Amino acid sequence: MGRTLDDAQGQQNRRDQIVIPELEAATSRRYRFWSHKEESVLQAYYDKVELNKLLEYWKEHFPPGRTRKAILEKAKLMGLVRRSKNEGEVEHALD
């Protein structure tokens, strides 16, 4: 089976793509995926340690760290967050 014109053009475009390693390294990703270790630490300590301590730990052990919002959102996605009396508000157990 022969290649179509679109296939041939797509392959040519990929071959002609310019990649400059130094500039690729300088690009910032908008989302940094959570490692298994980060998720395990969050699972183990989210309800046991103050959020500020978790933020300090992340900054030291998982550079460049995570924001307060990132930790709260991940905890929510993992089902670690409980609802406050004001329905809809999410809270950390020790805040």
PDB file of N, CA and C in Angstrom:
ATOM      1  N   MET A   1       0.848  -1.187   0.000  1.00  0.00           N
ATOM      2  CA  MET A   1       0.000   0.000   0.000  1.00  0.00           C
ATOM      3  C   MET A   1       0.891   1.247   0.000  1.00  0.00           C
ATOM      4  N   GLY A   2       0.629   2.167  -0.859  1.00  0.00           N
ATOM      5  CA  GLY A   2       1.453   3.362  -0.997  1.00  0.00           C
ATOM      6  C   GLY A   2       1.115   4.423   0.034  1.00  0.00           C
ATOM      7  N   ARG A   3       2.048   5.341   0.212  1.00  0.00           N
ATOM      8  CA  ARG A   3       1.821   6.454   1.133  1.00  0.00           C
ATOM      9  C   ARG A   3       1.034   7.544   0.437  1.00  0.00           C
ATOM     10  N   THR A   4       0.252   8.225   1.214  1.00  0.00           N
ATOM     11  CA  THR A   4      -0.498   9.347   0.657  1.00  0.00           C
ATOM     12  C   THR A   4       0.380  10.590   0.679  1.00  0.00           C
ATOM     13  N   LEU A   5      -0.056  11.595  -0.025  1.00  0.00           N
ATOM     14  CA  LEU A   5       0.667  12.855  -0.057  1.00  0.00           C
ATOM     15  C   LEU A   5       0.758  13.455   1.349  1.00  0.00           C
ATOM     16  N   ASP A   6      -0.335  13.353   2.146  1.00  0.00           N
ATOM     17  CA  ASP A   6      -0.329  13.874   3.524  1.00  0.00           C
ATOM     18  C   ASP A   6       0.711  13.162   4.371  1.00  0.00           C
ATOM     19  N   ASP A   7       0.829  11.834   4.226  1.00  0.00           N
ATOM     20  CA  ASP A   7       1.832  11.077   4.979  1.00  0.00           C
ATOM     21  C   ASP A   7       3.237  11.551   4.632  1.00  0.00           C
ATOM     22  N   ALA A   8       3.492  11.714   3.364  1.00  0.00           N
ATOM     23  CA  ALA A   8       4.816  12.141   2.913  1.00  0.00           C
ATOM     24  C   ALA A   8       5.141  13.539   3.424  1.00  0.00           C
ATOM     25  N   GLN A   9       4.171  14.449   3.388  1.00  0.00           N
ATOM     26  CA  GLN A   9       4.400  15.817   3.880  1.00  0.00           C
ATOM     27  C   GLN A   9       4.617  15.816   5.389  1.00  0.00           C
ATOM     28  N   GLY A  10       3.872  14.979   6.122  1.00  0.00           N
ATOM     29  CA  GLY A  10       4.035  14.891   7.572  1.00  0.00           C
ATOM     30  C   GLY A  10       5.417  14.409   7.948  1.00  0.00           C
ATOM     31  N   GLN A  11       5.909  13.395   7.224  1.00  0.00           N
ATOM     32  CA  GLN A  11       7.247  12.893   7.494  1.00  0.00           C
ATOM     33  C   GLN A  11       8.296  13.947   7.175  1.00  0.00           C
ATOM     34  N   GLN A  12       8.112  14.679   6.095  1.00  0.00           N
ATOM     35  CA  GLN A  12       9.055  15.725   5.727  1.00  0.00           C
ATOM     36  C   GLN A  12       9.072  16.831   6.784  1.00  0.00           C
ATOM     37  N   ASN A  13       7.886  17.212   7.291  1.00  0.00           N
ATOM     38  CA  ASN A  13       7.818  18.250   8.324  1.00  0.00           C
ATOM     39  C   ASN A  13       8.538  17.814   9.588  1.00  0.00           C
ATOM     40  N   ARG A  14       8.402  16.550   9.979  1.00  0.00           N
ATOM     41  CA  ARG A  14       9.090  16.055  11.176  1.00  0.00           C
ATOM     42  C   ARG A  14      10.600  16.072  10.961  1.00  0.00           C
ATOM     43  N   ARG A  15      11.042  15.721   9.763  1.00  0.00           N
ATOM     44  CA  ARG A  15      12.469  15.720   9.453  1.00  0.00           C
ATOM     45  C   ARG A  15      13.041  17.136   9.471  1.00  0.00           C
ATOM     46  N   ASP A  16      12.249  18.114   9.042  1.00  0.00           N
ATOM     47  CA  ASP A  16      12.711  19.491   8.947  1.00  0.00           C
ATOM     48  C   ASP A  16      12.567  20.270  10.254  1.00  0.00           C
ATOM     49  N   GLN A  17      11.985  19.662  11.260  1.00  0.00           N
ATOM     50  CA  GLN A  17      11.755  20.358  12.525  1.00  0.00           C
ATOM     51  C   GLN A  17      13.095  20.697  13.169  1.00  0.00           C
ATOM     52  N   ILE A  18      13.218  21.917  13.598  1.00  0.00           N
ATOM     53  CA  ILE A  18      14.446  22.372  14.246  1.00  0.00           C
ATOM     54  C   ILE A  18      14.326  22.145  15.740  1.00  0.00           C
ATOM     55  N   VAL A  19      15.326  21.494  16.309  1.00  0.00           N
ATOM     56  CA  VAL A  19      15.353  21.265  17.741  1.00  0.00           C
ATOM     57  C   VAL A  19      16.697  21.754  18.268  1.00  0.00           C
ATOM     58  N   ILE A  20      16.644  22.721  19.162  1.00  0.00           N
ATOM     59  CA  ILE A  20      17.852  23.285  19.766  1.00  0.00           C
ATOM     60  C   ILE A  20      17.827  22.897  21.243  1.00  0.00           C
ATOM     61  N   PRO A  21      18.686  21.964  21.660  1.00  0.00           N
ATOM     62  CA  PRO A  21      18.645  21.446  23.030  1.00  0.00           C
ATOM     63  C   PRO A  21      18.655  22.511  24.122  1.00  0.00           C
ATOM     64  N   GLU A  22      19.500  23.546  23.953  1.00  0.00           N
ATOM     65  CA  GLU A  22      19.576  24.594  24.987  1.00  0.00           C
ATOM     66  C   GLU A  22      18.246  25.321  25.139  1.00  0.00           C
ATOM     67  N   LEU A  23      17.573  25.561  24.023  1.00  0.00           N
ATOM     68  CA  LEU A  23      16.286  26.252  24.082  1.00  0.00           C
ATOM     69  C   LEU A  23      15.186  25.313  24.568  1.00  0.00           C
ATOM     70  N   GLU A  24      15.277  24.051  24.197  1.00  0.00           N
ATOM     71  CA  GLU A  24      14.306  23.076  24.691  1.00  0.00           C
ATOM     72  C   GLU A  24      14.386  22.976  26.210  1.00  0.00           C
ATOM     73  N   ALA A  25      15.610  22.977  26.746  1.00  0.00           N
ATOM     74  CA  ALA A  25      15.809  22.880  28.191  1.00  0.00           C
ATOM     75  C   ALA A  25      15.278  24.115  28.913  1.00  0.00           C
ATOM     76  N   ALA A  26      15.257  25.250  28.225  1.00  0.00           N
ATOM     77  CA  ALA A  26      14.811  26.501  28.843  1.00  0.00           C
ATOM     78  C   ALA A  26      13.302  26.675  28.814  1.00  0.00           C
ATOM     79  N   THR A  27      12.605  25.847  28.045  1.00  0.00           N
ATOM     80  CA  THR A  27      11.152  25.986  27.983  1.00  0.00           C
ATOM     81  C   THR A  27      10.549  25.525  29.293  1.00  0.00           C
ATOM     82  N   SER A  28       9.525  26.220  29.717  1.00  0.00           N
ATOM     83  CA  SER A  28       8.878  25.839  30.969  1.00  0.00           C
ATOM     84  C   SER A  28       7.620  25.047  30.658  1.00  0.00           C
ATOM     85  N   ARG A  29       7.474  23.958  31.378  1.00  0.00           N
ATOM     86  CA  ARG A  29       6.249  23.179  31.251  1.00  0.00           C
ATOM     87  C   ARG A  29       5.229  23.792  32.185  1.00  0.00           C
ATOM     88  N   ARG A  30       3.997  23.833  31.759  1.00  0.00           N
ATOM     89  CA  ARG A  30       2.944  24.392  32.600  1.00  0.00           C
ATOM     90  C   ARG A  30       2.522  23.412  33.680  1.00  0.00           C
ATOM     91  N   TYR A  31       2.743  22.123  33.461  1.00  0.00           N
ATOM     92  CA  TYR A  31       2.331  21.134  34.444  1.00  0.00           C
ATOM     93  C   TYR A  31       3.486  20.190  34.714  1.00  0.00           C
ATOM     94  N   ARG A  32       3.794  20.022  35.967  1.00  0.00           N
ATOM     95  CA  ARG A  32       4.818  19.073  36.381  1.00  0.00           C
ATOM     96  C   ARG A  32       4.091  17.885  36.995  1.00  0.00           C
ATOM     97  N   PHE A  33       4.260  16.722  36.421  1.00  0.00           N
ATOM     98  CA  PHE A  33       3.566  15.538  36.908  1.00  0.00           C
ATOM     99  C   PHE A  33       4.046  15.160  38.295  1.00  0.00           C
ATOM    100  N   TRP A  34       3.130  14.609  39.087  1.00  0.00           N
ATOM    101  CA  TRP A  34       3.444  14.174  40.433  1.00  0.00           C
ATOM    102  C   TRP A  34       4.127  12.812  40.378  1.00  0.00           C
ATOM    103  N   SER A  35       5.201  12.664  41.140  1.00  0.00           N
ATOM    104  CA  SER A  35       5.895  11.379  41.197  1.00  0.00           C
ATOM    105  C   SER A  35       5.143  10.449  42.155  1.00  0.00           C
ATOM    106  N   HIS A  36       5.432   9.172  42.032  1.00  0.00           N
ATOM    107  CA  HIS A  36       4.813   8.193  42.924  1.00  0.00           C
ATOM    108  C   HIS A  36       5.208   8.491  44.375  1.00  0.00           C
ATOM    109  N   LYS A  37       6.461   8.897  44.580  1.00  0.00           N
ATOM    110  CA  LYS A  37       6.928   9.209  45.933  1.00  0.00           C
ATOM    111  C   LYS A  37       6.175  10.412  46.513  1.00  0.00           C
ATOM    112  N   GLU A  38       5.957  11.446  45.700  1.00  0.00           N
ATOM    113  CA  GLU A  38       5.202  12.608  46.171  1.00  0.00           C
ATOM    114  C   GLU A  38       3.790  12.201  46.590  1.00  0.00           C
ATOM    115  N   GLU A  39       3.147  11.385  45.767  1.00  0.00           N
ATOM    116  CA  GLU A  39       1.794  10.932  46.088  1.00  0.00           C
ATOM    117  C   GLU A  39       1.780  10.094  47.362  1.00  0.00           C
ATOM    118  N   SER A  40       2.797   9.257  47.539  1.00  0.00           N
ATOM    119  CA  SER A  40       2.884   8.425  48.751  1.00  0.00           C
ATOM    120  C   SER A  40       3.052   9.275  50.002  1.00  0.00           C
ATOM    121  N   VAL A  41       3.907  10.304  49.921  1.00  0.00           N
ATOM    122  CA  VAL A  41       4.115  11.202  51.060  1.00  0.00           C
ATOM    123  C   VAL A  41       2.812  11.941  51.376  1.00  0.00           C
ATOM    124  N   LEU A  42       2.151  12.419  50.362  1.00  0.00           N
ATOM    125  CA  LEU A  42       0.890  13.129  50.567  1.00  0.00           C
ATOM    126  C   LEU A  42      -0.150  12.210  51.202  1.00  0.00           C
ATOM    127  N   GLN A  43      -0.236  10.992  50.701  1.00  0.00           N
ATOM    128  CA  GLN A  43      -1.185  10.010  51.241  1.00  0.00           C
ATOM    129  C   GLN A  43      -0.895   9.741  52.732  1.00  0.00           C
ATOM    130  N   ALA A  44       0.360   9.602  53.065  1.00  0.00           N
ATOM    131  CA  ALA A  44       0.749   9.251  54.436  1.00  0.00           C
ATOM    132  C   ALA A  44       0.629  10.406  55.420  1.00  0.00           C
ATOM    133  N   TYR A  45       0.881  11.641  54.973  1.00  0.00           N
ATOM    134  CA  TYR A  45       1.007  12.746  55.927  1.00  0.00           C
ATOM    135  C   TYR A  45       0.007  13.878  55.791  1.00  0.00           C
ATOM    136  N   TYR A  46      -0.856  13.860  54.793  1.00  0.00           N
ATOM    137  CA  TYR A  46      -1.748  14.994  54.568  1.00  0.00           C
ATOM    138  C   TYR A  46      -2.583  15.346  55.796  1.00  0.00           C
ATOM    139  N   ASP A  47      -3.144  14.364  56.463  1.00  0.00           N
ATOM    140  CA  ASP A  47      -3.982  14.636  57.643  1.00  0.00           C
ATOM    141  C   ASP A  47      -3.206  14.636  58.959  1.00  0.00           C
ATOM    142  N   LYS A  48      -1.910  14.402  58.903  1.00  0.00           N
ATOM    143  CA  LYS A  48      -1.119  14.295  60.137  1.00  0.00           C
ATOM    144  C   LYS A  48      -0.203  15.477  60.383  1.00  0.00           C
ATOM    145  N   VAL A  49       0.104  16.234  59.344  1.00  0.00           N
ATOM    146  CA  VAL A  49       1.089  17.312  59.435  1.00  0.00           C
ATOM    147  C   VAL A  49       0.451  18.608  58.940  1.00  0.00           C
ATOM    148  N   GLU A  50       0.829  19.714  59.563  1.00  0.00           N
ATOM    149  CA  GLU A  50       0.321  21.013  59.111  1.00  0.00           C
ATOM    150  C   GLU A  50       0.750  21.260  57.668  1.00  0.00           C
ATOM    151  N   LEU A  51      -0.102  21.923  56.937  1.00  0.00           N
ATOM    152  CA  LEU A  51       0.154  22.185  55.527  1.00  0.00           C
ATOM    153  C   LEU A  51       1.453  22.960  55.317  1.00  0.00           C
ATOM    154  N   ASN A  52       1.759  23.896  56.199  1.00  0.00           N
ATOM    155  CA  ASN A  52       3.011  24.653  56.076  1.00  0.00           C
ATOM    156  C   ASN A  52       4.229  23.737  56.176  1.00  0.00           C
ATOM    157  N   LYS A  53       4.169  22.712  57.024  1.00  0.00           N
ATOM    158  CA  LYS A  53       5.267  21.747  57.136  1.00  0.00           C
ATOM    159  C   LYS A  53       5.397  20.940  55.850  1.00  0.00           C
ATOM    160  N   LEU A  54       4.244  20.561  55.261  1.00  0.00           N
ATOM    161  CA  LEU A  54       4.290  19.843  53.988  1.00  0.00           C
ATOM    162  C   LEU A  54       4.937  20.707  52.900  1.00  0.00           C
ATOM    163  N   LEU A  55       4.580  21.992  52.871  1.00  0.00           N
ATOM    164  CA  LEU A  55       5.166  22.906  51.886  1.00  0.00           C
ATOM    165  C   LEU A  55       6.685  22.997  52.052  1.00  0.00           C
ATOM    166  N   GLU A  56       7.154  23.079  53.291  1.00  0.00           N
ATOM    167  CA  GLU A  56       8.590  23.123  53.563  1.00  0.00           C
ATOM    168  C   GLU A  56       9.263  21.834  53.107  1.00  0.00           C
ATOM    169  N   TYR A  57       8.617  20.700  53.412  1.00  0.00           N
ATOM    170  CA  TYR A  57       9.167  19.407  53.033  1.00  0.00           C
ATOM    171  C   TYR A  57       9.292  19.302  51.511  1.00  0.00           C
ATOM    172  N   TRP A  58       8.244  19.717  50.807  1.00  0.00           N
ATOM    173  CA  TRP A  58       8.263  19.648  49.343  1.00  0.00           C
ATOM    174  C   TRP A  58       9.392  20.508  48.781  1.00  0.00           C
ATOM    175  N   LYS A  59       9.551  21.694  49.332  1.00  0.00           N
ATOM    176  CA  LYS A  59      10.584  22.601  48.832  1.00  0.00           C
ATOM    177  C   LYS A  59      11.977  21.988  48.993  1.00  0.00           C
ATOM    178  N   GLU A  60      12.188  21.295  50.109  1.00  0.00           N
ATOM    179  CA  GLU A  60      13.501  20.707  50.387  1.00  0.00           C
ATOM    180  C   GLU A  60      13.726  19.392  49.641  1.00  0.00           C
ATOM    181  N   HIS A  61      12.718  18.529  49.586  1.00  0.00           N
ATOM    182  CA  HIS A  61      12.903  17.171  49.058  1.00  0.00           C
ATOM    183  C   HIS A  61      12.416  16.950  47.628  1.00  0.00           C
ATOM    184  N   PHE A  62      11.577  17.850  47.139  1.00  0.00           N
ATOM    185  CA  PHE A  62      11.071  17.742  45.771  1.00  0.00           C
ATOM    186  C   PHE A  62      11.196  19.099  45.077  1.00  0.00           C
ATOM    187  N   PRO A  63      12.448  19.579  44.893  1.00  0.00           N
ATOM    188  CA  PRO A  63      12.625  20.896  44.278  1.00  0.00           C
ATOM    189  C   PRO A  63      11.948  20.983  42.924  1.00  0.00           C
ATOM    190  N   PRO A  64      11.370  22.096  42.564  1.00  0.00           N
ATOM    191  CA  PRO A  64      11.337  23.354  43.300  1.00  0.00           C
ATOM    192  C   PRO A  64      10.190  23.436  44.305  1.00  0.00           C
ATOM    193  N   GLY A  65       9.589  22.328  44.656  1.00  0.00           N
ATOM    194  CA  GLY A  65       8.477  22.338  45.601  1.00  0.00           C
ATOM    195  C   GLY A  65       7.141  22.409  44.884  1.00  0.00           C
ATOM    196  N   ARG A  66       6.097  22.550  45.663  1.00  0.00           N
ATOM    197  CA  ARG A  66       4.734  22.698  45.134  1.00  0.00           C
ATOM    198  C   ARG A  66       4.077  23.867  45.841  1.00  0.00           C
ATOM    199  N   THR A  67       3.128  24.472  45.196  1.00  0.00           N
ATOM    200  CA  THR A  67       2.390  25.556  45.837  1.00  0.00           C
ATOM    201  C   THR A  67       1.346  24.972  46.774  1.00  0.00           C
ATOM    202  N   ARG A  68       0.864  25.809  47.667  1.00  0.00           N
ATOM    203  CA  ARG A  68      -0.204  25.409  48.587  1.00  0.00           C
ATOM    204  C   ARG A  68      -1.415  24.905  47.789  1.00  0.00           C
ATOM    205  N   LYS A  69      -1.747  25.648  46.736  1.00  0.00           N
ATOM    206  CA  LYS A  69      -2.887  25.273  45.910  1.00  0.00           C
ATOM    207  C   LYS A  69      -2.662  23.918  45.239  1.00  0.00           C
ATOM    208  N   ALA A  70      -1.447  23.670  44.752  1.00  0.00           N
ATOM    209  CA  ALA A  70      -1.145  22.397  44.087  1.00  0.00           C
ATOM    210  C   ALA A  70      -1.319  21.229  45.044  1.00  0.00           C
ATOM    211  N   ILE A  71      -0.838  21.390  46.279  1.00  0.00           N
ATOM    212  CA  ILE A  71      -0.969  20.313  47.266  1.00  0.00           C
ATOM    213  C   ILE A  71      -2.431  20.091  47.626  1.00  0.00           C
ATOM    214  N   LEU A  72      -3.167  21.169  47.828  1.00  0.00           N
ATOM    215  CA  LEU A  72      -4.592  21.020  48.159  1.00  0.00           C
ATOM    216  C   LEU A  72      -5.375  20.374  47.017  1.00  0.00           C
ATOM    217  N   GLU A  73      -5.092  20.776  45.782  1.00  0.00           N
ATOM    218  CA  GLU A  73      -5.792  20.203  44.630  1.00  0.00           C
ATOM    219  C   GLU A  73      -5.466  18.726  44.468  1.00  0.00           C
ATOM    220  N   LYS A  74      -4.190  18.371  44.646  1.00  0.00           N
ATOM    221  CA  LYS A  74      -3.802  16.965  44.512  1.00  0.00           C
ATOM    222  C   LYS A  74      -4.447  16.131  45.618  1.00  0.00           C
ATOM    223  N   ALA A  75      -4.455  16.663  46.830  1.00  0.00           N
ATOM    224  CA  ALA A  75      -5.092  15.951  47.947  1.00  0.00           C
ATOM    225  C   ALA A  75      -6.577  15.742  47.659  1.00  0.00           C
ATOM    226  N   LYS A  76      -7.207  16.745  47.062  1.00  0.00           N
ATOM    227  CA  LYS A  76      -8.619  16.631  46.715  1.00  0.00           C
ATOM    228  C   LYS A  76      -8.814  15.530  45.665  1.00  0.00           C
ATOM    229  N   LEU A  77      -7.964  15.518  44.652  1.00  0.00           N
ATOM    230  CA  LEU A  77      -8.055  14.495  43.608  1.00  0.00           C
ATOM    231  C   LEU A  77      -7.815  13.087  44.162  1.00  0.00           C
ATOM    232  N   MET A  78      -6.998  12.997  45.205  1.00  0.00           N
ATOM    233  CA  MET A  78      -6.699  11.699  45.812  1.00  0.00           C
ATOM    234  C   MET A  78      -7.743  11.290  46.854  1.00  0.00           C
ATOM    235  N   GLY A  79      -8.721  12.167  47.094  1.00  0.00           N
ATOM    236  CA  GLY A  79      -9.762  11.846  48.067  1.00  0.00           C
ATOM    237  C   GLY A  79      -9.333  12.025  49.510  1.00  0.00           C
ATOM    238  N   LEU A  80      -8.335  12.857  49.756  1.00  0.00           N
ATOM    239  CA  LEU A  80      -7.811  13.062  51.106  1.00  0.00           C
ATOM    240  C   LEU A  80      -8.442  14.249  51.821  1.00  0.00           C
ATOM    241  N   VAL A  81      -9.231  15.039  51.116  1.00  0.00           N
ATOM    242  CA  VAL A  81      -9.782  16.282  51.659  1.00  0.00           C
ATOM    243  C   VAL A  81     -11.184  16.047  52.168  1.00  0.00           C
ATOM    244  N   ARG A  82     -11.454  16.610  53.318  1.00  0.00           N
ATOM    245  CA  ARG A  82     -12.817  16.531  53.853  1.00  0.00           C
ATOM    246  C   ARG A  82     -13.505  17.870  53.667  1.00  0.00           C
ATOM    247  N   ARG A  83     -14.802  17.855  53.664  1.00  0.00           N
ATOM    248  CA  ARG A  83     -15.598  19.086  53.494  1.00  0.00           C
ATOM    249  C   ARG A  83     -15.755  19.780  54.835  1.00  0.00           C
ATOM    250  N   SER A  84     -15.777  21.104  54.810  1.00  0.00           N
ATOM    251  CA  SER A  84     -16.004  21.859  56.030  1.00  0.00           C
ATOM    252  C   SER A  84     -17.506  22.002  56.267  1.00  0.00           C
ATOM    253  N   LYS A  85     -17.854  22.626  57.376  1.00  0.00           N
ATOM    254  CA  LYS A  85     -19.271  22.845  57.689  1.00  0.00           C
ATOM    255  C   LYS A  85     -19.926  23.742  56.651  1.00  0.00           C
ATOM    256  N   ASN A  86     -19.151  24.691  56.105  1.00  0.00           N
ATOM    257  CA  ASN A  86     -19.659  25.538  55.027  1.00  0.00           C
ATOM    258  C   ASN A  86     -19.548  24.722  53.749  1.00  0.00           C
ATOM    259  N   GLU A  87     -20.652  24.161  53.322  1.00  0.00           N
ATOM    260  CA  GLU A  87     -20.648  23.229  52.202  1.00  0.00           C
ATOM    261  C   GLU A  87     -19.898  23.785  51.001  1.00  0.00           C
ATOM    262  N   GLY A  88     -19.071  22.945  50.426  1.00  0.00           N
ATOM    263  CA  GLY A  88     -18.328  23.338  49.242  1.00  0.00           C
ATOM    264  C   GLY A  88     -16.917  23.803  49.539  1.00  0.00           C
ATOM    265  N   GLU A  89     -16.641  24.171  50.789  1.00  0.00           N
ATOM    266  CA  GLU A  89     -15.297  24.607  51.119  1.00  0.00           C
ATOM    267  C   GLU A  89     -14.442  23.390  51.475  1.00  0.00           C
ATOM    268  N   VAL A  90     -13.237  23.372  50.961  1.00  0.00           N
ATOM    269  CA  VAL A  90     -12.318  22.279  51.231  1.00  0.00           C
ATOM    270  C   VAL A  90     -11.362  22.723  52.322  1.00  0.00           C
ATOM    271  N   GLU A  91     -11.026  21.806  53.211  1.00  0.00           N
ATOM    272  CA  GLU A  91     -10.119  22.197  54.276  1.00  0.00           C
ATOM    273  C   GLU A  91      -9.074  21.129  54.521  1.00  0.00           C
ATOM    274  N   HIS A  92      -7.966  21.552  55.068  1.00  0.00           N
ATOM    275  CA  HIS A  92      -6.922  20.657  55.523  1.00  0.00           C
ATOM    276  C   HIS A  92      -7.266  20.318  56.964  1.00  0.00           C
ATOM    277  N   ALA A  93      -7.035  19.107  57.357  1.00  0.00           N
ATOM    278  CA  ALA A  93      -7.440  18.657  58.690  1.00  0.00           C
ATOM    279  C   ALA A  93      -6.798  19.483  59.815  1.00  0.00           C
ATOM    280  N   LEU A  94      -5.603  19.985  59.598  1.00  0.00           N
ATOM    281  CA  LEU A  94      -4.890  20.685  60.671  1.00  0.00           C
ATOM    282  C   LEU A  94      -4.851  22.195  60.502  1.00  0.00           C
ATOM    283  N   ASP A  95      -5.531  22.733  59.518  1.00  0.00           N
ATOM    284  CA  ASP A  95      -5.569  24.192  59.330  1.00  0.00           C
ATOM    285  C   ASP A  95      -6.592  24.822  60.240  1.00  0.00           C
TER     286      ASP A  95
END
